[in-house]
N, C-alpha and C. Protein backbone atom coordinates (compact mmCIF):
# COMPACT_ATOMS: atom_id res chain seq x y z
N UNK A 1 70.28 115.35 154.72
CA UNK A 1 71.49 114.81 154.13
C UNK A 1 72.69 115.43 154.87
N UNK A 2 73.57 114.58 155.34
CA UNK A 2 74.76 115.04 156.06
C UNK A 2 75.73 115.71 155.11
N UNK A 3 76.67 116.48 155.67
CA UNK A 3 77.64 117.21 154.85
C UNK A 3 78.44 116.32 153.92
N UNK A 4 78.90 115.17 154.43
CA UNK A 4 79.69 114.26 153.60
C UNK A 4 78.88 113.65 152.46
N UNK A 5 77.62 113.32 152.76
CA UNK A 5 76.75 112.76 151.72
C UNK A 5 76.46 113.80 150.63
N UNK A 6 76.29 115.04 151.07
CA UNK A 6 76.02 116.12 150.12
C UNK A 6 77.22 116.32 149.20
N UNK A 7 78.43 116.26 149.77
CA UNK A 7 79.65 116.41 148.96
C UNK A 7 79.76 115.30 147.93
N UNK A 8 79.45 114.07 148.34
CA UNK A 8 79.50 112.93 147.41
C UNK A 8 78.46 113.12 146.31
N UNK A 9 77.25 113.53 146.67
CA UNK A 9 76.19 113.75 145.67
C UNK A 9 76.59 114.85 144.70
N UNK A 10 77.19 115.93 145.23
CA UNK A 10 77.63 117.02 144.35
C UNK A 10 78.74 116.55 143.40
N UNK A 11 79.68 115.76 143.93
CA UNK A 11 80.77 115.25 143.09
C UNK A 11 80.22 114.34 142.00
N UNK A 12 79.24 113.52 142.36
CA UNK A 12 78.63 112.62 141.37
C UNK A 12 77.91 113.43 140.30
N UNK A 13 77.19 114.46 140.72
CA UNK A 13 76.51 115.32 139.74
C UNK A 13 77.51 115.97 138.78
N UNK A 14 78.58 116.49 139.35
CA UNK A 14 79.61 117.13 138.51
C UNK A 14 80.24 116.13 137.56
N UNK A 15 80.47 114.94 138.03
CA UNK A 15 81.06 113.90 137.18
C UNK A 15 80.10 113.52 136.06
N UNK A 16 78.83 113.43 136.37
CA UNK A 16 77.84 113.11 135.32
C UNK A 16 77.77 114.23 134.27
N UNK A 17 77.81 115.46 134.74
CA UNK A 17 77.80 116.59 133.79
C UNK A 17 79.07 116.58 132.94
N UNK A 18 80.20 116.28 133.57
CA UNK A 18 81.45 116.18 132.80
C UNK A 18 81.36 115.05 131.78
N UNK A 19 80.73 113.95 132.15
CA UNK A 19 80.56 112.84 131.22
C UNK A 19 79.69 113.26 130.03
N UNK A 20 78.64 114.01 130.30
CA UNK A 20 77.80 114.52 129.22
C UNK A 20 78.58 115.44 128.28
N UNK A 21 79.37 116.34 128.87
CA UNK A 21 80.18 117.25 128.04
C UNK A 21 81.18 116.47 127.20
N UNK A 22 81.76 115.44 127.79
CA UNK A 22 82.73 114.63 127.05
C UNK A 22 82.04 113.90 125.90
N UNK A 23 80.84 113.38 126.15
CA UNK A 23 80.09 112.71 125.09
C UNK A 23 79.80 113.69 123.95
N UNK A 24 79.41 114.90 124.30
CA UNK A 24 79.16 115.91 123.27
C UNK A 24 80.45 116.23 122.49
N UNK A 25 81.60 116.20 123.15
CA UNK A 25 82.87 116.42 122.45
C UNK A 25 83.13 115.28 121.46
N UNK A 26 82.82 114.05 121.84
CA UNK A 26 82.96 112.93 120.90
C UNK A 26 82.06 113.18 119.68
N UNK A 27 80.83 113.64 119.91
CA UNK A 27 79.92 113.90 118.79
C UNK A 27 80.39 115.07 117.94
N UNK A 28 80.95 116.11 118.56
CA UNK A 28 81.50 117.23 117.78
C UNK A 28 82.66 116.74 116.91
N UNK A 29 83.47 115.89 117.46
CA UNK A 29 84.59 115.34 116.69
C UNK A 29 84.07 114.52 115.52
N UNK A 30 82.99 113.77 115.75
CA UNK A 30 82.39 112.98 114.67
C UNK A 30 81.86 113.90 113.57
N UNK A 31 81.16 114.96 113.95
CA UNK A 31 80.62 115.89 112.95
C UNK A 31 81.74 116.58 112.18
N UNK A 32 82.82 116.91 112.86
CA UNK A 32 83.97 117.52 112.19
C UNK A 32 84.57 116.54 111.19
N UNK A 33 84.70 115.27 111.59
CA UNK A 33 85.24 114.26 110.69
C UNK A 33 84.33 114.08 109.46
N UNK A 34 83.03 114.15 109.68
CA UNK A 34 82.12 114.05 108.53
C UNK A 34 82.26 115.24 107.60
N UNK A 35 82.44 116.43 108.15
CA UNK A 35 82.65 117.62 107.31
C UNK A 35 83.93 117.48 106.51
N UNK A 36 84.99 116.99 107.14
CA UNK A 36 86.25 116.77 106.43
C UNK A 36 86.07 115.70 105.36
N UNK A 37 85.29 114.66 105.68
CA UNK A 37 85.03 113.60 104.70
C UNK A 37 84.36 114.15 103.44
N UNK A 38 83.38 115.01 103.63
CA UNK A 38 82.69 115.61 102.49
C UNK A 38 83.64 116.54 101.73
N UNK A 39 84.39 117.35 102.47
CA UNK A 39 85.33 118.26 101.81
C UNK A 39 86.37 117.54 101.01
N UNK A 40 86.99 116.52 101.62
CA UNK A 40 88.06 115.80 100.93
C UNK A 40 87.52 114.91 99.83
N UNK A 41 86.41 114.25 100.09
CA UNK A 41 85.91 113.25 99.14
C UNK A 41 85.09 113.80 98.00
N UNK A 42 84.43 114.92 98.21
CA UNK A 42 83.54 115.45 97.17
C UNK A 42 83.92 116.86 96.69
N UNK A 43 84.21 117.74 97.62
CA UNK A 43 84.43 119.13 97.23
C UNK A 43 85.77 119.31 96.54
N UNK A 44 86.85 118.78 97.13
CA UNK A 44 88.18 118.96 96.52
C UNK A 44 88.23 118.40 95.10
N UNK A 45 87.78 117.16 94.86
CA UNK A 45 87.82 116.67 93.48
C UNK A 45 86.93 117.46 92.52
N UNK A 46 85.89 118.08 93.07
CA UNK A 46 84.98 118.86 92.22
C UNK A 46 85.52 120.22 91.82
N UNK A 47 86.40 120.78 92.62
CA UNK A 47 86.89 122.12 92.32
C UNK A 47 88.35 122.16 91.88
N UNK A 48 89.06 121.06 92.08
CA UNK A 48 90.48 121.03 91.73
C UNK A 48 90.69 120.07 90.55
N UNK A 49 91.72 120.33 89.80
CA UNK A 49 92.04 119.47 88.68
C UNK A 49 92.93 118.32 89.18
N UNK A 50 92.28 117.37 89.88
CA UNK A 50 93.00 116.24 90.46
C UNK A 50 92.24 114.96 90.16
N UNK A 51 92.94 113.86 90.23
CA UNK A 51 92.28 112.57 90.12
C UNK A 51 91.43 112.38 91.38
N UNK A 52 90.18 111.97 91.22
CA UNK A 52 89.27 111.99 92.35
C UNK A 52 89.41 110.82 93.31
N UNK A 53 89.82 109.64 92.85
CA UNK A 53 89.78 108.46 93.72
C UNK A 53 90.63 108.59 94.99
N UNK A 54 91.83 109.21 94.96
CA UNK A 54 92.57 109.31 96.22
C UNK A 54 91.86 110.19 97.26
N UNK A 55 91.21 111.23 96.79
CA UNK A 55 90.50 112.12 97.70
C UNK A 55 89.20 111.48 98.20
N UNK A 56 88.56 110.71 97.33
CA UNK A 56 87.38 109.97 97.77
C UNK A 56 87.74 108.92 98.82
N UNK A 57 88.87 108.26 98.63
CA UNK A 57 89.36 107.29 99.61
C UNK A 57 89.69 107.99 100.93
N UNK A 58 90.33 109.14 100.86
CA UNK A 58 90.63 109.90 102.08
C UNK A 58 89.33 110.31 102.76
N UNK A 59 88.36 110.78 101.99
CA UNK A 59 87.06 111.14 102.56
C UNK A 59 86.38 109.96 103.23
N UNK A 60 86.46 108.80 102.62
CA UNK A 60 85.89 107.60 103.23
C UNK A 60 86.59 107.28 104.55
N UNK A 61 87.90 107.50 104.60
CA UNK A 61 88.64 107.28 105.84
C UNK A 61 88.17 108.19 106.95
N UNK A 62 87.93 109.45 106.62
CA UNK A 62 87.41 110.38 107.64
C UNK A 62 86.00 110.03 108.05
N UNK A 63 85.21 109.47 107.13
CA UNK A 63 83.87 109.01 107.51
C UNK A 63 83.96 107.82 108.47
N UNK A 64 84.92 106.93 108.24
CA UNK A 64 85.14 105.82 109.18
C UNK A 64 85.54 106.36 110.55
N UNK A 65 86.41 107.36 110.56
CA UNK A 65 86.80 107.98 111.83
C UNK A 65 85.57 108.56 112.55
N UNK A 66 84.66 109.16 111.79
CA UNK A 66 83.44 109.70 112.39
C UNK A 66 82.62 108.59 113.06
N UNK A 67 82.51 107.46 112.39
CA UNK A 67 81.77 106.33 112.97
C UNK A 67 82.46 105.85 114.25
N UNK A 68 83.78 105.79 114.23
CA UNK A 68 84.52 105.39 115.43
C UNK A 68 84.22 106.37 116.56
N UNK A 69 84.21 107.67 116.28
CA UNK A 69 83.89 108.66 117.30
C UNK A 69 82.46 108.48 117.83
N UNK A 70 81.51 108.25 116.96
CA UNK A 70 80.11 108.10 117.38
C UNK A 70 79.95 106.87 118.26
N UNK A 71 80.42 105.73 117.78
CA UNK A 71 80.27 104.49 118.54
C UNK A 71 81.12 104.53 119.81
N UNK A 72 82.36 104.97 119.68
CA UNK A 72 83.25 105.04 120.84
C UNK A 72 82.73 105.99 121.90
N UNK A 73 82.21 107.13 121.49
CA UNK A 73 81.67 108.09 122.44
C UNK A 73 80.46 107.55 123.18
N UNK A 74 79.58 106.87 122.47
CA UNK A 74 78.39 106.29 123.11
C UNK A 74 78.79 105.19 124.08
N UNK A 75 79.72 104.34 123.65
CA UNK A 75 80.19 103.26 124.55
C UNK A 75 80.85 103.85 125.79
N UNK A 76 81.65 104.87 125.59
CA UNK A 76 82.36 105.49 126.71
C UNK A 76 81.37 106.14 127.68
N UNK A 77 80.37 106.84 127.15
CA UNK A 77 79.36 107.48 127.99
C UNK A 77 78.66 106.44 128.86
N UNK A 78 78.23 105.35 128.25
CA UNK A 78 77.54 104.29 129.00
C UNK A 78 78.46 103.65 130.03
N UNK A 79 79.70 103.42 129.66
CA UNK A 79 80.66 102.81 130.58
C UNK A 79 80.88 103.67 131.81
N UNK A 80 81.04 104.98 131.61
CA UNK A 80 81.25 105.87 132.74
C UNK A 80 80.01 105.94 133.62
N UNK A 81 78.83 105.97 133.00
CA UNK A 81 77.59 106.00 133.80
C UNK A 81 77.45 104.74 134.65
N UNK A 82 77.72 103.59 134.06
CA UNK A 82 77.65 102.34 134.82
C UNK A 82 78.66 102.31 135.95
N UNK A 83 79.84 102.81 135.68
CA UNK A 83 80.87 102.85 136.73
C UNK A 83 80.48 103.78 137.85
N UNK A 84 79.87 104.91 137.52
CA UNK A 84 79.40 105.83 138.55
C UNK A 84 78.35 105.17 139.45
N UNK A 85 77.44 104.44 138.82
CA UNK A 85 76.42 103.74 139.59
C UNK A 85 77.03 102.73 140.56
N UNK A 86 78.12 102.09 140.13
CA UNK A 86 78.77 101.07 140.96
C UNK A 86 79.84 101.66 141.87
N UNK A 87 80.09 102.96 141.76
CA UNK A 87 81.10 103.59 142.59
C UNK A 87 82.52 103.27 142.16
N UNK A 88 82.70 103.02 140.87
CA UNK A 88 84.01 102.69 140.33
C UNK A 88 84.45 103.75 139.32
N UNK A 89 85.68 103.57 138.86
CA UNK A 89 86.27 104.42 137.84
C UNK A 89 86.31 103.64 136.53
N UNK A 90 86.10 104.31 135.41
CA UNK A 90 86.09 103.65 134.12
C UNK A 90 87.15 104.28 133.21
N UNK A 91 88.35 103.70 133.19
CA UNK A 91 89.39 104.29 132.33
C UNK A 91 89.14 103.96 130.85
N UNK A 92 89.67 104.81 129.99
CA UNK A 92 89.63 104.53 128.55
C UNK A 92 90.59 103.38 128.31
N UNK A 93 90.12 102.36 127.64
CA UNK A 93 90.95 101.18 127.41
C UNK A 93 92.10 101.47 126.45
N UNK A 94 93.22 100.78 126.63
CA UNK A 94 94.36 101.01 125.74
C UNK A 94 94.06 100.64 124.30
N UNK A 95 93.20 99.65 124.07
CA UNK A 95 92.84 99.28 122.71
C UNK A 95 92.06 100.36 122.00
N UNK A 96 91.15 100.99 122.75
CA UNK A 96 90.36 102.09 122.18
C UNK A 96 91.25 103.29 121.85
N UNK A 97 92.14 103.61 122.77
CA UNK A 97 93.05 104.73 122.54
C UNK A 97 93.97 104.43 121.36
N UNK A 98 94.46 103.20 121.28
CA UNK A 98 95.34 102.82 120.17
C UNK A 98 94.60 102.88 118.83
N UNK A 99 93.35 102.42 118.78
CA UNK A 99 92.58 102.46 117.54
C UNK A 99 92.43 103.90 117.06
N UNK A 100 92.04 104.79 117.97
CA UNK A 100 91.92 106.20 117.58
C UNK A 100 93.23 106.77 117.09
N UNK A 101 94.32 106.47 117.79
CA UNK A 101 95.63 107.00 117.41
C UNK A 101 96.06 106.46 116.05
N UNK A 102 95.84 105.20 115.80
CA UNK A 102 96.26 104.59 114.52
C UNK A 102 95.46 105.16 113.36
N UNK A 103 94.14 105.22 113.51
CA UNK A 103 93.30 105.73 112.43
C UNK A 103 93.59 107.21 112.17
N UNK A 104 93.66 108.01 113.23
CA UNK A 104 93.92 109.44 113.06
C UNK A 104 95.30 109.70 112.47
N UNK A 105 96.30 108.95 112.91
CA UNK A 105 97.66 109.11 112.36
C UNK A 105 97.69 108.71 110.89
N UNK A 106 97.04 107.62 110.56
CA UNK A 106 96.98 107.19 109.16
C UNK A 106 96.33 108.23 108.27
N UNK A 107 95.24 108.80 108.74
CA UNK A 107 94.57 109.84 107.96
C UNK A 107 95.41 111.10 107.85
N UNK A 108 96.11 111.45 108.92
CA UNK A 108 96.98 112.63 108.87
C UNK A 108 98.09 112.43 107.85
N UNK A 109 98.70 111.27 107.85
CA UNK A 109 99.77 110.98 106.90
C UNK A 109 99.23 110.97 105.47
N UNK A 110 98.05 110.37 105.28
CA UNK A 110 97.46 110.35 103.95
C UNK A 110 97.12 111.75 103.47
N UNK A 111 96.63 112.58 104.37
CA UNK A 111 96.31 113.98 104.01
C UNK A 111 97.57 114.72 103.61
N UNK A 112 98.62 114.57 104.41
CA UNK A 112 99.88 115.23 104.08
C UNK A 112 100.41 114.76 102.72
N UNK A 113 100.30 113.48 102.46
CA UNK A 113 100.77 112.95 101.19
C UNK A 113 100.00 113.54 100.03
N UNK A 114 98.68 113.62 100.16
CA UNK A 114 97.88 114.16 99.07
C UNK A 114 98.12 115.66 98.88
N UNK A 115 98.32 116.37 99.96
CA UNK A 115 98.55 117.80 99.87
C UNK A 115 99.90 118.11 99.21
N UNK A 116 100.92 117.37 99.62
CA UNK A 116 102.27 117.71 99.14
C UNK A 116 102.68 116.96 97.88
N UNK A 117 102.03 115.84 97.58
CA UNK A 117 102.39 115.09 96.36
C UNK A 117 101.56 115.57 95.19
N UNK A 118 100.36 115.95 95.38
CA UNK A 118 99.47 116.35 94.29
C UNK A 118 99.71 117.76 93.87
């Protein structure tokens, strides 16, 4: 293998490893969202003297965010792998980024409202 080919192979290997690490970050984010969903939806209403439905709704929202992370992370992983095989770049789509931003911002605002209004 010539020096240039070796450099390309090494760069591809590093990119694949980075893609794996990124996929694991998506899964960690999903697990964190699930933990927050359980905390907000079940634990808080169980230990605090509050009406449970707003916290259950917030918990459901965080569970939806977890599903978005799981599905989005898997799709992103596959997209990057396919692009690597074809020698292309696979950017995160603006729709995917917007969906994450909208859902996360909505949940942050809802959390702030429940924390400061209740």
